[in-house]
Amino acid sequence: MKPALILSPDTAYAAALEEALAAIGGIAVVRKLAAYPAEHEFVRVIRAHGPQLFFVDVASLDEALAAIATIHANAPGTHVIACGRGPDQAVLIALMRAGVREYVVLPDGAAELAGAVRRCIEALEKKPPAAATTDRMFTFLPSKPGVGCSTVALNAAVALAELPKTHALLLDFDLNCGMIGFLLHAGDGVSIVQAAEHAAQLDEELWPKLVESRGRLDVIPSGGMRPGFRIEPVQIRYLIGFARRNYDVICADLSGLMERYSVELMQESKRIFLVCTPELPSVYLARQKVEFLRTLDLEDRVRVVLNRAQKHSLVGAEEIEKVIGLPVATSLPNDYRGVHKALTDGKPVEKKSELGRKFTELAREMMGADAEPERVRRFVEYFALSPARFRLEEEPGRR
């Protein structure tokens, strides 16, 4: 079934079109718009539902052409079927110039509609659209409770959101003792359980009610304790699929109990950050988790984060690496006062502190080349003339 969107200001016309599509088969109408939306609103709808086929009513040609331009700009590889009420040479020419190759007259052209749908489905099967989704999903897995995994996940997500042009999402999947809401002093109105329960109905209207926004960081806390609640894999796929279309980077804080949905999330992840501290019980349990992830062919995605690292720790980094069997990718200094102050204020750790700088470094590593800071241009570089021409010539006789 190919997801489709119907755009028509005529509700009766849209209903008849949907009925005709149901008779044809192979199409699932995921959204109907009863008005030509503004560009930014239409982009939100496209990202929310990911339609591959668009049925656009051309009753108002100028507005329809603007909508088609938005589709081509934001959903490359998808197909548009224009729908009209009669043959019109001017309309056909305008649609061809806009890149539309399918035009049907309804309600009389049922056979033509079936043919257009068949051709579009065949084209989509041969060349699926390259959906604008991110592969930057990161999970944070504690070796054991109390190692500060939620603090690491939160501050890493905040640092990611502070990078240029980065819209980040932080999800708290610890249904036993989720701490993200507490760390941020977030309200109790939203929870990951609600998001999972409505995963199949997520759209641009429901989503803002499920997240708490902190600048360019959106957060969904775990809510109250729900240790017996099961999140099904299909709910994870719907939820993460929606998030991938709407965010540049996604972070998920896990409980460490290796629930089925946690495994599903790690399988969706680009990197799994295994957080441990320099104590033997934490290191031992980290090794056990690595051994388990190895059985799932996920070991190559694991990066060890050593939290609360100290210069003169009883268990050194080299010993930790030998026990776990993986190198320590990142060491975060122990900053009890800084973390306590952040917890009291409901804010991330101070950005200029040693720990804060480490989180910024971690965020840049997570984003890779896209996190490179923009080079500051010299004044003369804003002109077409070569900067070398502005070099002062040394006056004769001067040294």
Foldseek 3Di string as FASTA:
>chain_A
DFEEEEEELDVVVSVLVVVLDVVLDPYDHLYYHNHLDDLVVLLQQCLQRVGQEYEYECPPVVSSLVSLLSCCVQFPPGAYAYEYADDDPVSVVSCVVSVHDHYAHPDVGSVSVSVVVVVRVVSCVVPPTPAQFALAEEEEAELAPPLCRLLLLVLLQVLLLPFPPFQEEEAEPALADWCLCLLQVHDQQAAVVVQLVCLVPTGSVVVVSHWDDDRSYTYHTHHHRDVPDDRDLVSVCSSVSSVRSPGNHYYYYYNNPPDVVVVSSLVSHQAYEYEFEQDVSRLQSLLVVLVVVVVVVNNVRYAYEYEQDDPDGPRDQVNSCVNNVHHHPYYAHRDPPQSVVSSVVSHRGDCPDSRNVSSNVVSCVSVDPVRDDDDDDDPVVVDPDDPVVVDDDDDPPDD
